[in-house]
Amino acid sequence: MNPTGETEIDGYVKIAMIKKPDYYIHFLSKDKKKLTFHAKQINHTNINSEFLIESDNIKIISQTDMFDWVRFYEEEQEIARWQSKIKEKFKTHIEVSEDAHIQDPLFYAVLGQMLYFIGY
């Protein structure tokens, strides 16, 4: 939610019995109203999972190594990274590059929580 109490991003998971779940993020703010992202796992491991996050014109790959940053890439260039530390009472660190198409840290926070922290 923004300071006025309006919801900025809506994220949800579609779970299927046989395949990996699909994740969706919809921007609800006025300036990004039509922006929707679909994320799906592109490798078959649960430990160091890799996701393709895409909208109509933006493709982002997310990758992680155990106990390391979740890194987000556009065109093979790191554009953002996210990390939540249990030892710091789940303090979350987010860094966004100037080259990223999506500059909103909330986007990466929601992705990090949905894909790597809450999981499925």
N, C-alpha and C. Protein backbone atom coordinates (compact mmCIF):
# COMPACT_ATOMS: atom_id res chain seq x y z
N MET A 1 0.84 -1.18 0.00
CA MET A 1 0.00 0.00 0.00
C MET A 1 0.88 1.25 0.00
N ASN A 2 0.38 2.26 -0.65
CA ASN A 2 1.10 3.52 -0.65
C ASN A 2 0.67 4.35 0.57
N PRO A 3 1.27 5.52 0.78
CA PRO A 3 0.94 6.31 1.98
C PRO A 3 -0.54 6.71 2.09
N THR A 4 -1.26 6.74 0.96
CA THR A 4 -2.68 7.10 1.02
C THR A 4 -3.58 5.89 1.26
N GLY A 5 -2.98 4.70 1.38
CA GLY A 5 -3.75 3.50 1.67
C GLY A 5 -4.21 2.72 0.45
N GLU A 6 -3.79 3.14 -0.74
CA GLU A 6 -4.17 2.44 -1.96
C GLU A 6 -3.20 1.29 -2.22
N THR A 7 -3.72 0.18 -2.71
CA THR A 7 -2.89 -0.97 -3.04
C THR A 7 -2.09 -0.67 -4.30
N GLU A 8 -0.80 -0.96 -4.27
CA GLU A 8 0.10 -0.69 -5.40
C GLU A 8 0.25 -1.91 -6.32
N ILE A 9 0.39 -3.08 -5.71
CA ILE A 9 0.67 -4.31 -6.45
C ILE A 9 -0.23 -5.43 -5.92
N ASP A 10 -0.74 -6.24 -6.84
CA ASP A 10 -1.51 -7.42 -6.48
C ASP A 10 -0.72 -8.63 -6.97
N GLY A 11 -0.37 -9.53 -6.09
CA GLY A 11 0.36 -10.73 -6.46
C GLY A 11 -0.38 -11.96 -5.99
N TYR A 12 -0.41 -12.99 -6.83
CA TYR A 12 -1.06 -14.23 -6.43
C TYR A 12 -0.45 -15.41 -7.16
N VAL A 13 -0.76 -16.61 -6.68
CA VAL A 13 -0.22 -17.86 -7.22
C VAL A 13 -1.36 -18.73 -7.71
N LYS A 14 -1.19 -19.32 -8.90
CA LYS A 14 -2.11 -20.34 -9.39
C LYS A 14 -1.41 -21.69 -9.23
N ILE A 15 -1.97 -22.52 -8.38
CA ILE A 15 -1.35 -23.81 -8.09
C ILE A 15 -2.05 -24.89 -8.89
N ALA A 16 -1.25 -25.78 -9.47
CA ALA A 16 -1.77 -26.91 -10.23
C ALA A 16 -1.29 -28.21 -9.58
N MET A 17 -2.02 -29.27 -9.78
CA MET A 17 -1.68 -30.55 -9.15
C MET A 17 -0.42 -31.18 -9.75
N ILE A 18 -0.23 -31.06 -11.05
CA ILE A 18 0.82 -31.80 -11.73
C ILE A 18 2.05 -30.94 -12.05
N LYS A 19 1.86 -29.69 -12.36
CA LYS A 19 2.99 -28.85 -12.78
C LYS A 19 3.34 -27.82 -11.72
N LYS A 20 4.43 -27.12 -11.95
CA LYS A 20 4.86 -26.05 -11.05
C LYS A 20 3.83 -24.92 -11.07
N PRO A 21 3.70 -24.18 -9.98
CA PRO A 21 2.71 -23.09 -9.94
C PRO A 21 3.11 -21.92 -10.84
N ASP A 22 2.12 -21.13 -11.21
CA ASP A 22 2.33 -19.88 -11.96
C ASP A 22 2.11 -18.72 -11.00
N TYR A 23 2.95 -17.71 -11.11
CA TYR A 23 2.87 -16.53 -10.25
C TYR A 23 2.51 -15.33 -11.10
N TYR A 24 1.65 -14.46 -10.57
CA TYR A 24 1.21 -13.27 -11.31
C TYR A 24 1.36 -12.04 -10.43
N ILE A 25 1.81 -10.96 -11.05
CA ILE A 25 1.90 -9.67 -10.37
C ILE A 25 1.25 -8.63 -11.27
N HIS A 26 0.29 -7.89 -10.71
CA HIS A 26 -0.41 -6.81 -11.42
C HIS A 26 -0.10 -5.49 -10.71
N PHE A 27 0.38 -4.52 -11.47
CA PHE A 27 0.53 -3.18 -10.92
C PHE A 27 -0.84 -2.51 -10.93
N LEU A 28 -1.20 -1.88 -9.83
CA LEU A 28 -2.51 -1.25 -9.70
C LEU A 28 -2.43 0.27 -9.67
N SER A 29 -1.23 0.82 -9.57
CA SER A 29 -1.11 2.28 -9.51
C SER A 29 -1.45 2.89 -10.87
N LYS A 30 -1.85 4.14 -10.87
CA LYS A 30 -2.34 4.80 -12.08
C LYS A 30 -1.31 4.84 -13.20
N ASP A 31 -0.04 5.09 -12.87
CA ASP A 31 0.97 5.22 -13.92
C ASP A 31 1.40 3.89 -14.53
N LYS A 32 1.13 2.77 -13.87
CA LYS A 32 1.52 1.45 -14.39
C LYS A 32 0.33 0.51 -14.46
N LYS A 33 -0.86 1.03 -14.60
CA LYS A 33 -2.10 0.28 -14.45
C LYS A 33 -2.17 -1.00 -15.29
N LYS A 34 -1.69 -0.99 -16.50
CA LYS A 34 -1.84 -2.14 -17.39
C LYS A 34 -0.66 -3.12 -17.34
N LEU A 35 0.28 -2.93 -16.42
CA LEU A 35 1.48 -3.75 -16.38
C LEU A 35 1.23 -5.02 -15.55
N THR A 36 1.33 -6.17 -16.21
CA THR A 36 1.12 -7.47 -15.56
C THR A 36 2.31 -8.37 -15.88
N PHE A 37 2.79 -9.07 -14.87
CA PHE A 37 3.91 -10.00 -15.04
C PHE A 37 3.47 -11.41 -14.69
N HIS A 38 3.99 -12.37 -15.45
CA HIS A 38 3.76 -13.79 -15.21
C HIS A 38 5.12 -14.42 -14.94
N ALA A 39 5.24 -15.14 -13.84
CA ALA A 39 6.50 -15.81 -13.50
C ALA A 39 6.28 -17.31 -13.46
N LYS A 40 7.24 -18.03 -14.04
CA LYS A 40 7.18 -19.49 -13.98
C LYS A 40 8.60 -20.03 -13.83
N GLN A 41 8.69 -21.13 -13.13
CA GLN A 41 10.00 -21.74 -12.90
C GLN A 41 10.49 -22.39 -14.19
N ILE A 42 11.76 -22.14 -14.53
CA ILE A 42 12.28 -22.67 -15.79
C ILE A 42 13.33 -23.76 -15.58
N ASN A 43 13.69 -24.03 -14.35
CA ASN A 43 14.53 -25.20 -14.10
C ASN A 43 13.74 -26.16 -13.21
N HIS A 44 14.27 -27.31 -12.95
CA HIS A 44 13.48 -28.32 -12.24
C HIS A 44 14.07 -28.66 -10.88
N THR A 45 14.66 -27.69 -10.24
CA THR A 45 15.19 -27.91 -8.90
C THR A 45 14.53 -26.93 -7.93
N ASN A 46 14.25 -27.38 -6.74
CA ASN A 46 13.61 -26.51 -5.75
C ASN A 46 14.62 -25.76 -4.90
N ILE A 47 15.87 -26.21 -4.88
CA ILE A 47 16.87 -25.58 -4.01
C ILE A 47 17.36 -24.26 -4.61
N ASN A 48 17.82 -24.28 -5.82
CA ASN A 48 18.30 -23.07 -6.50
C ASN A 48 17.41 -22.79 -7.70
N SER A 49 16.17 -22.49 -7.43
CA SER A 49 15.21 -22.34 -8.52
C SER A 49 15.48 -21.07 -9.33
N GLU A 50 15.11 -21.16 -10.60
CA GLU A 50 15.28 -20.07 -11.55
C GLU A 50 13.93 -19.79 -12.19
N PHE A 51 13.58 -18.51 -12.30
CA PHE A 51 12.27 -18.13 -12.81
C PHE A 51 12.39 -17.19 -14.00
N LEU A 52 11.46 -17.33 -14.93
CA LEU A 52 11.29 -16.38 -16.02
C LEU A 52 10.10 -15.52 -15.65
N ILE A 53 10.32 -14.22 -15.58
CA ILE A 53 9.28 -13.26 -15.20
C ILE A 53 9.09 -12.36 -16.42
N GLU A 54 7.90 -12.38 -16.99
CA GLU A 54 7.73 -11.61 -18.22
C GLU A 54 6.38 -10.91 -18.30
N SER A 55 6.42 -9.78 -18.99
CA SER A 55 5.22 -9.05 -19.36
C SER A 55 5.23 -8.97 -20.88
N ASP A 56 4.42 -8.10 -21.45
CA ASP A 56 4.37 -8.01 -22.91
C ASP A 56 5.72 -7.63 -23.53
N ASN A 57 6.47 -6.75 -22.88
CA ASN A 57 7.72 -6.30 -23.49
C ASN A 57 8.94 -6.34 -22.57
N ILE A 58 8.82 -6.93 -21.40
CA ILE A 58 9.94 -7.02 -20.46
C ILE A 58 10.13 -8.48 -20.06
N LYS A 59 11.38 -8.97 -20.15
CA LYS A 59 11.71 -10.32 -19.69
C LYS A 59 12.79 -10.22 -18.63
N ILE A 60 12.53 -10.84 -17.50
CA ILE A 60 13.47 -10.84 -16.38
C ILE A 60 13.69 -12.29 -15.96
N ILE A 61 14.94 -12.64 -15.70
CA ILE A 61 15.28 -13.95 -15.16
C ILE A 61 15.72 -13.74 -13.72
N SER A 62 15.24 -14.58 -12.81
CA SER A 62 15.71 -14.52 -11.43
C SER A 62 16.43 -15.81 -11.10
N GLN A 63 17.53 -15.67 -10.38
CA GLN A 63 18.35 -16.82 -9.99
C GLN A 63 18.85 -16.61 -8.57
N THR A 64 19.14 -17.71 -7.90
CA THR A 64 19.72 -17.62 -6.57
C THR A 64 20.62 -18.82 -6.31
N ASP A 65 21.53 -18.64 -5.39
CA ASP A 65 22.30 -19.74 -4.81
C ASP A 65 21.92 -19.78 -3.34
N MET A 66 22.04 -20.93 -2.75
CA MET A 66 21.64 -21.10 -1.36
C MET A 66 22.28 -20.04 -0.47
N PHE A 67 21.49 -19.36 0.33
CA PHE A 67 21.92 -18.34 1.30
C PHE A 67 22.60 -17.14 0.65
N ASP A 68 22.32 -16.88 -0.59
CA ASP A 68 22.90 -15.74 -1.29
C ASP A 68 21.77 -14.83 -1.78
N TRP A 69 22.11 -13.77 -2.42
CA TRP A 69 21.14 -12.84 -2.98
C TRP A 69 20.30 -13.53 -4.06
N VAL A 70 19.06 -13.11 -4.20
CA VAL A 70 18.27 -13.43 -5.38
C VAL A 70 18.62 -12.35 -6.38
N ARG A 71 19.06 -12.75 -7.55
CA ARG A 71 19.52 -11.80 -8.56
C ARG A 71 18.55 -11.79 -9.74
N PHE A 72 18.24 -10.59 -10.21
CA PHE A 72 17.32 -10.40 -11.33
C PHE A 72 18.11 -9.88 -12.53
N TYR A 73 17.87 -10.48 -13.70
CA TYR A 73 18.62 -10.15 -14.90
C TYR A 73 17.69 -9.76 -16.04
N GLU A 74 18.09 -8.73 -16.78
CA GLU A 74 17.47 -8.38 -18.06
C GLU A 74 18.57 -8.43 -19.09
N GLU A 75 18.35 -9.17 -20.16
CA GLU A 75 19.34 -9.31 -21.23
C GLU A 75 20.72 -9.64 -20.68
N GLU A 76 20.76 -10.60 -19.76
CA GLU A 76 21.98 -11.14 -19.15
C GLU A 76 22.76 -10.12 -18.32
N GLN A 77 22.14 -9.00 -17.97
CA GLN A 77 22.77 -8.01 -17.11
C GLN A 77 22.00 -7.94 -15.80
N GLU A 78 22.72 -7.99 -14.68
CA GLU A 78 22.06 -7.92 -13.38
C GLU A 78 21.45 -6.53 -13.19
N ILE A 79 20.15 -6.51 -12.90
CA ILE A 79 19.45 -5.23 -12.76
C ILE A 79 18.98 -4.98 -11.33
N ALA A 80 18.87 -6.05 -10.54
CA ALA A 80 18.41 -5.89 -9.16
C ALA A 80 18.79 -7.13 -8.37
N ARG A 81 18.80 -6.96 -7.05
CA ARG A 81 18.99 -8.12 -6.19
C ARG A 81 18.24 -7.91 -4.88
N TRP A 82 17.84 -9.04 -4.28
CA TRP A 82 16.99 -9.05 -3.10
C TRP A 82 17.52 -10.09 -2.13
N GLN A 83 17.49 -9.76 -0.84
CA GLN A 83 17.91 -10.72 0.18
C GLN A 83 17.17 -10.42 1.48
N SER A 84 16.68 -11.47 2.11
CA SER A 84 16.03 -11.35 3.41
C SER A 84 16.84 -12.18 4.40
N LYS A 85 17.26 -11.56 5.49
CA LYS A 85 18.13 -12.24 6.44
C LYS A 85 17.37 -12.59 7.72
N ILE A 86 17.34 -13.87 8.02
CA ILE A 86 16.66 -14.36 9.22
C ILE A 86 17.36 -13.85 10.47
N LYS A 87 18.68 -13.84 10.45
CA LYS A 87 19.45 -13.40 11.63
C LYS A 87 19.21 -11.93 11.96
N GLU A 88 18.74 -11.17 10.99
CA GLU A 88 18.44 -9.75 11.21
C GLU A 88 16.93 -9.53 11.34
N LYS A 89 16.23 -10.53 11.87
CA LYS A 89 14.78 -10.48 12.05
C LYS A 89 14.06 -10.21 10.73
N PHE A 90 14.49 -10.94 9.69
CA PHE A 90 13.90 -10.89 8.35
C PHE A 90 14.03 -9.51 7.70
N LYS A 91 15.09 -8.80 8.03
CA LYS A 91 15.35 -7.53 7.36
C LYS A 91 15.62 -7.83 5.89
N THR A 92 15.00 -7.06 5.02
CA THR A 92 15.13 -7.28 3.58
C THR A 92 16.00 -6.20 2.96
N HIS A 93 16.93 -6.63 2.14
CA HIS A 93 17.82 -5.72 1.42
C HIS A 93 17.47 -5.80 -0.06
N ILE A 94 17.29 -4.65 -0.69
CA ILE A 94 16.96 -4.59 -2.12
C ILE A 94 17.87 -3.55 -2.77
N GLU A 95 18.47 -3.93 -3.88
CA GLU A 95 19.28 -3.00 -4.66
C GLU A 95 18.77 -3.05 -6.10
N VAL A 96 18.50 -1.88 -6.68
CA VAL A 96 17.98 -1.80 -8.05
C VAL A 96 18.93 -0.94 -8.87
N SER A 97 19.35 -1.47 -10.01
CA SER A 97 20.25 -0.76 -10.91
C SER A 97 19.49 0.33 -11.68
N GLU A 98 20.20 1.35 -12.11
CA GLU A 98 19.59 2.40 -12.93
C GLU A 98 19.15 1.87 -14.28
N ASP A 99 19.71 0.74 -14.72
CA ASP A 99 19.39 0.16 -16.03
C ASP A 99 18.10 -0.66 -16.03
N ALA A 100 17.53 -0.91 -14.88
CA ALA A 100 16.33 -1.75 -14.79
C ALA A 100 15.11 -1.03 -15.38
N HIS A 101 14.30 -1.76 -16.14
CA HIS A 101 13.06 -1.18 -16.66
C HIS A 101 12.09 -0.86 -15.53
N ILE A 102 12.03 -1.74 -14.54
CA ILE A 102 11.16 -1.52 -13.37
C ILE A 102 12.05 -0.98 -12.25
N GLN A 103 11.82 0.26 -11.86
CA GLN A 103 12.63 0.90 -10.83
C GLN A 103 12.01 0.78 -9.44
N ASP A 104 10.80 0.31 -9.35
CA ASP A 104 10.08 0.23 -8.07
C ASP A 104 10.63 -0.92 -7.21
N PRO A 105 11.25 -0.63 -6.07
CA PRO A 105 11.76 -1.71 -5.21
C PRO A 105 10.66 -2.64 -4.70
N LEU A 106 9.44 -2.14 -4.61
CA LEU A 106 8.33 -2.98 -4.16
C LEU A 106 8.12 -4.17 -5.10
N PHE A 107 8.32 -3.98 -6.38
CA PHE A 107 8.20 -5.06 -7.36
C PHE A 107 9.15 -6.21 -7.02
N TYR A 108 10.41 -5.89 -6.73
CA TYR A 108 11.40 -6.91 -6.42
C TYR A 108 11.16 -7.52 -5.03
N ALA A 109 10.64 -6.72 -4.12
CA ALA A 109 10.30 -7.25 -2.79
C ALA A 109 9.19 -8.28 -2.89
N VAL A 110 8.16 -7.97 -3.67
CA VAL A 110 7.04 -8.91 -3.85
C VAL A 110 7.53 -10.17 -4.55
N LEU A 111 8.33 -10.02 -5.60
CA LEU A 111 8.86 -11.20 -6.29
C LEU A 111 9.72 -12.05 -5.36
N GLY A 112 10.60 -11.42 -4.62
CA GLY A 112 11.46 -12.16 -3.70
C GLY A 112 10.65 -12.94 -2.68
N GLN A 113 9.64 -12.31 -2.12
CA GLN A 113 8.79 -12.99 -1.14
C GLN A 113 8.00 -14.12 -1.78
N MET A 114 7.38 -13.86 -2.92
CA MET A 114 6.54 -14.87 -3.56
C MET A 114 7.34 -16.06 -4.07
N LEU A 115 8.44 -15.79 -4.74
CA LEU A 115 9.16 -16.86 -5.42
C LEU A 115 10.13 -17.61 -4.52
N TYR A 116 10.76 -16.92 -3.57
CA TYR A 116 11.85 -17.55 -2.84
C TYR A 116 11.62 -17.67 -1.34
N PHE A 117 10.78 -16.86 -0.77
CA PHE A 117 10.61 -16.93 0.67
C PHE A 117 9.37 -17.73 1.05
N ILE A 118 8.24 -17.33 0.53
CA ILE A 118 7.00 -18.06 0.81
C ILE A 118 6.99 -19.35 0.02
N GLY A 119 7.31 -19.25 -1.27
CA GLY A 119 7.41 -20.43 -2.12
C GLY A 119 6.10 -21.15 -2.31
N TYR A 120 6.20 -22.43 -2.52
CA TYR A 120 5.01 -23.25 -2.78
C TYR A 120 5.12 -24.56 -2.06
